[in-house]
Amino acid sequence: MTSPARTLTILVVLGFVAFLLWSTLAAQRVECAVTVEFRGERRTATASAASEDEAVEQAQTAACGPMTEGMDASIACSRVAPIARQCRTL
């Protein structure tokens, strides 16, 4: 590959990566930290999303992950009300 072609390829790849980062991060408008207690265990997780409800749901899913085994426990944990919730706008 010639030098100008190589430079153009690198610039196109970098532009694509920059676009992916921008489009992913631009959608993240709210960040929430959620603490969940399930079956005597307590976990806190943080997530960001376009809305507060989505961020809380994702944070709760992340907090429940290490505390559950199987789909039944995962669903049960996701339905438990968080014991703490703190959100901020990004």
N, C-alpha and C. Protein backbone atom coordinates (compact mmCIF):
# COMPACT_ATOMS: atom_id res chain seq x y z
N MET A 1 0.85 -1.18 0.00
CA MET A 1 0.00 0.00 0.00
C MET A 1 0.90 1.24 0.00
N THR A 2 0.58 2.18 -0.85
CA THR A 2 1.38 3.39 -0.93
C THR A 2 1.15 4.26 0.29
N SER A 3 2.04 5.19 0.50
CA SER A 3 1.96 6.04 1.68
C SER A 3 0.68 6.88 1.74
N PRO A 4 0.26 7.55 0.66
CA PRO A 4 -0.99 8.31 0.73
C PRO A 4 -2.21 7.41 0.99
N ALA A 5 -2.21 6.22 0.41
CA ALA A 5 -3.32 5.30 0.63
C ALA A 5 -3.34 4.82 2.07
N ARG A 6 -2.18 4.55 2.62
CA ARG A 6 -2.08 4.12 4.02
C ARG A 6 -2.57 5.23 4.95
N THR A 7 -2.16 6.46 4.68
CA THR A 7 -2.59 7.59 5.50
C THR A 7 -4.11 7.76 5.43
N LEU A 8 -4.66 7.65 4.24
CA LEU A 8 -6.10 7.77 4.08
C LEU A 8 -6.84 6.66 4.83
N THR A 9 -6.33 5.45 4.76
CA THR A 9 -6.95 4.33 5.47
C THR A 9 -6.93 4.56 6.97
N ILE A 10 -5.81 5.02 7.49
CA ILE A 10 -5.69 5.30 8.93
C ILE A 10 -6.67 6.40 9.33
N LEU A 11 -6.78 7.44 8.53
CA LEU A 11 -7.70 8.53 8.84
C LEU A 11 -9.16 8.06 8.83
N VAL A 12 -9.51 7.22 7.88
CA VAL A 12 -10.88 6.70 7.81
C VAL A 12 -11.18 5.84 9.03
N VAL A 13 -10.24 4.97 9.41
CA VAL A 13 -10.44 4.12 10.59
C VAL A 13 -10.56 4.97 11.84
N LEU A 14 -9.69 5.95 12.02
CA LEU A 14 -9.77 6.83 13.19
C LEU A 14 -11.08 7.62 13.21
N GLY A 15 -11.53 8.08 12.06
CA GLY A 15 -12.81 8.78 11.99
C GLY A 15 -13.97 7.89 12.38
N PHE A 16 -13.93 6.65 11.95
CA PHE A 16 -14.99 5.69 12.30
C PHE A 16 -15.00 5.42 13.79
N VAL A 17 -13.82 5.22 14.38
CA VAL A 17 -13.72 4.98 15.82
C VAL A 17 -14.24 6.19 16.59
N ALA A 18 -13.87 7.39 16.15
CA ALA A 18 -14.34 8.61 16.82
C ALA A 18 -15.86 8.72 16.73
N PHE A 19 -16.42 8.38 15.58
CA PHE A 19 -17.88 8.41 15.43
C PHE A 19 -18.55 7.41 16.37
N LEU A 20 -18.01 6.21 16.46
CA LEU A 20 -18.58 5.20 17.37
C LEU A 20 -18.55 5.68 18.81
N LEU A 21 -17.43 6.24 19.23
CA LEU A 21 -17.33 6.75 20.61
C LEU A 21 -18.33 7.87 20.84
N TRP A 22 -18.41 8.80 19.92
CA TRP A 22 -19.32 9.93 20.08
C TRP A 22 -20.77 9.45 20.13
N SER A 23 -21.16 8.56 19.21
CA SER A 23 -22.56 8.13 19.18
C SER A 23 -22.93 7.31 20.41
N THR A 24 -21.98 6.58 20.96
CA THR A 24 -22.25 5.80 22.16
C THR A 24 -22.35 6.70 23.38
N LEU A 25 -21.41 7.61 23.53
CA LEU A 25 -21.38 8.46 24.72
C LEU A 25 -22.43 9.57 24.68
N ALA A 26 -22.84 10.00 23.51
CA ALA A 26 -23.83 11.07 23.41
C ALA A 26 -25.18 10.63 23.95
N ALA A 27 -25.47 9.34 23.88
CA ALA A 27 -26.75 8.83 24.36
C ALA A 27 -26.79 8.70 25.88
N GLN A 28 -25.66 8.74 26.52
CA GLN A 28 -25.59 8.58 27.97
C GLN A 28 -25.81 9.95 28.63
N ARG A 29 -27.01 10.19 29.14
CA ARG A 29 -27.34 11.50 29.70
C ARG A 29 -27.52 11.48 31.21
N VAL A 30 -27.76 10.31 31.79
CA VAL A 30 -28.00 10.18 33.22
C VAL A 30 -27.17 9.02 33.75
N GLU A 31 -26.56 9.23 34.92
CA GLU A 31 -25.81 8.16 35.58
C GLU A 31 -26.44 7.90 36.93
N CYS A 32 -26.71 6.64 37.24
CA CYS A 32 -27.33 6.27 38.52
C CYS A 32 -26.52 5.19 39.22
N ALA A 33 -26.41 5.34 40.53
CA ALA A 33 -25.84 4.31 41.39
C ALA A 33 -26.99 3.72 42.19
N VAL A 34 -27.10 2.40 42.17
CA VAL A 34 -28.21 1.71 42.81
C VAL A 34 -27.65 0.65 43.75
N THR A 35 -28.20 0.60 44.98
CA THR A 35 -27.84 -0.45 45.93
C THR A 35 -29.04 -1.36 46.10
N VAL A 36 -28.79 -2.67 45.94
CA VAL A 36 -29.84 -3.67 46.01
C VAL A 36 -29.48 -4.67 47.11
N GLU A 37 -30.48 -5.03 47.90
CA GLU A 37 -30.29 -6.10 48.90
C GLU A 37 -31.18 -7.26 48.48
N PHE A 38 -30.55 -8.44 48.33
CA PHE A 38 -31.27 -9.63 47.87
C PHE A 38 -30.72 -10.85 48.60
N ARG A 39 -31.61 -11.54 49.28
CA ARG A 39 -31.26 -12.76 50.02
C ARG A 39 -30.09 -12.52 50.98
N GLY A 40 -30.15 -11.39 51.68
CA GLY A 40 -29.16 -11.08 52.70
C GLY A 40 -27.85 -10.52 52.18
N GLU A 41 -27.72 -10.36 50.90
CA GLU A 41 -26.49 -9.81 50.31
C GLU A 41 -26.80 -8.44 49.73
N ARG A 42 -25.83 -7.54 49.80
CA ARG A 42 -26.03 -6.17 49.34
C ARG A 42 -24.95 -5.82 48.32
N ARG A 43 -25.36 -5.24 47.20
CA ARG A 43 -24.43 -4.83 46.14
C ARG A 43 -24.84 -3.46 45.61
N THR A 44 -23.83 -2.71 45.18
CA THR A 44 -24.06 -1.42 44.55
C THR A 44 -23.43 -1.44 43.16
N ALA A 45 -24.13 -0.86 42.20
CA ALA A 45 -23.60 -0.77 40.84
C ALA A 45 -24.01 0.56 40.24
N THR A 46 -23.25 1.00 39.26
CA THR A 46 -23.50 2.27 38.57
C THR A 46 -23.69 2.00 37.09
N ALA A 47 -24.61 2.73 36.48
CA ALA A 47 -24.84 2.62 35.03
C ALA A 47 -25.29 3.97 34.50
N SER A 48 -25.10 4.17 33.21
CA SER A 48 -25.56 5.40 32.56
C SER A 48 -26.43 5.02 31.37
N ALA A 49 -27.36 5.91 31.05
CA ALA A 49 -28.28 5.67 29.94
C ALA A 49 -28.90 7.00 29.51
N ALA A 50 -29.79 6.92 28.55
CA ALA A 50 -30.45 8.11 28.04
C ALA A 50 -31.46 8.68 29.02
N SER A 51 -32.09 7.82 29.82
CA SER A 51 -33.08 8.30 30.80
C SER A 51 -32.75 7.74 32.18
N GLU A 52 -33.33 8.36 33.20
CA GLU A 52 -33.09 7.91 34.57
C GLU A 52 -33.64 6.50 34.80
N ASP A 53 -34.82 6.22 34.28
CA ASP A 53 -35.40 4.88 34.45
C ASP A 53 -34.52 3.80 33.84
N GLU A 54 -33.98 4.07 32.65
CA GLU A 54 -33.11 3.09 32.00
C GLU A 54 -31.81 2.91 32.78
N ALA A 55 -31.25 4.00 33.29
CA ALA A 55 -30.00 3.91 34.06
C ALA A 55 -30.22 3.13 35.35
N VAL A 56 -31.35 3.36 36.02
CA VAL A 56 -31.65 2.62 37.25
C VAL A 56 -31.82 1.13 36.94
N GLU A 57 -32.54 0.82 35.88
CA GLU A 57 -32.76 -0.58 35.50
C GLU A 57 -31.43 -1.28 35.18
N GLN A 58 -30.57 -0.62 34.43
CA GLN A 58 -29.29 -1.22 34.08
C GLN A 58 -28.39 -1.37 35.30
N ALA A 59 -28.40 -0.38 36.19
CA ALA A 59 -27.59 -0.48 37.41
C ALA A 59 -28.10 -1.60 38.30
N GLN A 60 -29.42 -1.76 38.40
CA GLN A 60 -29.97 -2.84 39.21
C GLN A 60 -29.61 -4.19 38.62
N THR A 61 -29.67 -4.32 37.32
CA THR A 61 -29.28 -5.57 36.66
C THR A 61 -27.82 -5.88 36.95
N ALA A 62 -26.96 -4.86 36.89
CA ALA A 62 -25.53 -5.07 37.18
C ALA A 62 -25.31 -5.44 38.64
N ALA A 63 -26.06 -4.84 39.54
CA ALA A 63 -25.92 -5.16 40.97
C ALA A 63 -26.41 -6.57 41.26
N CYS A 64 -27.47 -6.99 40.60
CA CYS A 64 -28.04 -8.32 40.86
C CYS A 64 -27.19 -9.44 40.28
N GLY A 65 -26.45 -9.16 39.23
CA GLY A 65 -25.69 -10.20 38.55
C GLY A 65 -24.86 -11.11 39.44
N PRO A 66 -23.96 -10.55 40.27
CA PRO A 66 -23.12 -11.41 41.11
C PRO A 66 -23.88 -12.08 42.26
N MET A 67 -25.07 -11.62 42.56
CA MET A 67 -25.82 -12.17 43.70
C MET A 67 -26.77 -13.29 43.31
N THR A 68 -26.95 -13.53 42.03
CA THR A 68 -27.97 -14.50 41.61
C THR A 68 -27.36 -15.61 40.76
N GLU A 69 -28.03 -16.74 40.81
CA GLU A 69 -27.70 -17.86 39.93
C GLU A 69 -29.00 -18.33 39.32
N GLY A 70 -29.07 -18.32 38.01
CA GLY A 70 -30.26 -18.78 37.33
C GLY A 70 -31.22 -17.65 37.02
N MET A 71 -32.09 -17.92 36.07
CA MET A 71 -33.03 -16.91 35.59
C MET A 71 -34.07 -16.54 36.64
N ASP A 72 -34.56 -17.50 37.41
CA ASP A 72 -35.58 -17.20 38.43
C ASP A 72 -35.06 -16.20 39.45
N ALA A 73 -33.86 -16.43 39.97
CA ALA A 73 -33.28 -15.52 40.96
C ALA A 73 -32.98 -14.17 40.34
N SER A 74 -32.53 -14.16 39.10
CA SER A 74 -32.23 -12.90 38.41
C SER A 74 -33.49 -12.06 38.26
N ILE A 75 -34.58 -12.68 37.86
CA ILE A 75 -35.85 -11.96 37.71
C ILE A 75 -36.35 -11.48 39.07
N ALA A 76 -36.25 -12.33 40.08
CA ALA A 76 -36.69 -11.94 41.43
C ALA A 76 -35.88 -10.76 41.94
N CYS A 77 -34.58 -10.77 41.73
CA CYS A 77 -33.73 -9.67 42.19
C CYS A 77 -34.06 -8.37 41.45
N SER A 78 -34.35 -8.48 40.16
CA SER A 78 -34.66 -7.27 39.38
C SER A 78 -35.98 -6.63 39.81
N ARG A 79 -36.82 -7.38 40.51
CA ARG A 79 -38.11 -6.86 40.96
C ARG A 79 -38.06 -6.29 42.38
N VAL A 80 -36.94 -6.46 43.06
CA VAL A 80 -36.77 -5.93 44.42
C VAL A 80 -36.53 -4.42 44.33
N ALA A 81 -37.19 -3.67 45.20
CA ALA A 81 -36.96 -2.22 45.22
C ALA A 81 -35.56 -1.93 45.74
N PRO A 82 -34.81 -1.05 45.06
CA PRO A 82 -33.47 -0.69 45.54
C PRO A 82 -33.54 -0.04 46.92
N ILE A 83 -32.54 -0.31 47.77
CA ILE A 83 -32.52 0.32 49.09
C ILE A 83 -31.88 1.71 49.03
N ALA A 84 -31.13 1.97 47.96
CA ALA A 84 -30.55 3.30 47.75
C ALA A 84 -30.45 3.55 46.26
N ARG A 85 -30.62 4.81 45.90
CA ARG A 85 -30.59 5.19 44.48
C ARG A 85 -30.14 6.64 44.40
N GLN A 86 -29.09 6.88 43.62
CA GLN A 86 -28.60 8.25 43.46
C GLN A 86 -28.29 8.47 41.99
N CYS A 87 -28.91 9.48 41.40
CA CYS A 87 -28.73 9.75 39.97
C CYS A 87 -28.22 11.17 39.77
N ARG A 88 -27.48 11.34 38.68
CA ARG A 88 -26.99 12.67 38.31
C ARG A 88 -27.01 12.81 36.80
N THR A 89 -27.20 14.01 36.34
CA THR A 89 -27.20 14.30 34.91
C THR A 89 -25.76 14.46 34.44
N LEU A 90 -25.46 13.87 33.30
CA LEU A 90 -24.11 13.97 32.74
C LEU A 90 -23.99 15.16 31.83
